[in-house]
Amino acid sequence: MPPIRMTSEAVAAPNVTKAVPFFSVRDITACLSFYVDGLGFTIKHQWSPEGRIRWCWLELGARR
């Protein structure tokens, strides 16, 4: 199979509608402060066993 080559051509419409990356961070409190307080993200979903956030879903801007 030949290799796929990237081009700089504009794409008429995006073909990806969602991506959910998982980032491992050392200090989730500092990370959330940066994204929520600094950049304006909102926490839409979270998992907080024992009252401490271990995982969350952040969003920025209006959803389609």
Protein backbone atom coordinates (compact mmCIF):
# COMPACT_ATOMS: atom_id res chain seq x y z
CA MET A 1 0.00 0.00 0.00
CA PRO A 2 1.52 3.40 -0.97
CA PRO A 3 2.09 5.94 1.83
CA ILE A 4 -0.58 8.59 2.43
CA ARG A 5 0.77 12.08 1.83
CA MET A 6 -0.51 15.23 3.53
CA THR A 7 -1.21 18.27 1.38
CA SER A 8 -1.80 21.91 2.20
CA GLU A 9 -5.02 22.07 0.17
CA ALA A 10 -8.07 23.49 1.93
CA VAL A 11 -10.78 21.03 2.86
CA ALA A 12 -14.32 22.09 1.95
CA ALA A 13 -15.89 20.64 5.10
CA PRO A 14 -14.38 19.03 8.16
CA ASN A 15 -14.62 15.26 8.26
CA VAL A 16 -13.95 14.96 12.00
CA THR A 17 -16.81 15.91 14.27
CA LYS A 18 -15.40 14.92 17.67
CA ALA A 19 -12.12 13.98 19.25
CA VAL A 20 -11.70 13.07 22.90
CA PRO A 21 -8.04 13.01 23.83
CA PHE A 22 -6.91 11.86 27.25
CA PHE A 23 -4.13 13.86 28.86
CA SER A 24 -2.31 12.77 31.97
CA VAL A 25 -1.42 15.72 34.20
CA ARG A 26 0.47 15.99 37.49
CA ASP A 27 -1.69 18.71 39.02
CA ILE A 28 -5.29 18.62 37.80
CA THR A 29 -6.24 21.62 39.96
CA ALA A 30 -3.63 23.82 38.26
CA CYS A 31 -4.56 22.39 34.86
CA LEU A 32 -8.26 23.13 35.34
CA SER A 33 -7.46 26.63 36.56
CA PHE A 34 -5.53 27.25 33.33
CA TYR A 35 -8.21 25.87 31.00
CA VAL A 36 -11.33 27.05 32.85
CA ASP A 37 -10.24 30.33 34.46
CA GLY A 38 -7.61 31.28 31.90
CA LEU A 39 -8.98 30.09 28.57
CA GLY A 40 -12.71 30.01 29.27
CA PHE A 41 -13.44 26.29 28.97
CA THR A 42 -16.38 24.85 30.90
CA ILE A 43 -16.49 21.50 32.67
CA LYS A 44 -19.33 19.50 31.08
CA HIS A 45 -18.76 16.10 32.70
CA GLN A 46 -16.54 14.97 35.53
CA TRP A 47 -15.66 11.94 37.60
CA SER A 48 -14.86 12.82 41.19
CA PRO A 49 -14.40 9.79 43.42
CA GLU A 50 -13.80 10.79 47.04
CA GLY A 51 -14.57 14.43 46.16
CA ARG A 52 -11.48 14.92 43.97
CA ILE A 53 -11.69 15.35 40.17
CA ARG A 54 -9.89 12.47 38.45
CA TRP A 55 -11.34 12.94 34.96
CA CYS A 56 -13.33 15.66 33.22
CA TRP A 57 -14.66 16.71 29.84
CA LEU A 58 -13.98 20.32 28.92
CA GLU A 59 -15.68 22.31 26.16
CA LEU A 60 -15.02 25.68 24.62
CA GLY A 61 -17.59 27.66 22.66
CA ALA A 62 -21.03 26.70 21.41
CA ARG A 63 -21.82 23.15 20.41
CA ARG A 64 -23.21 22.42 16.96
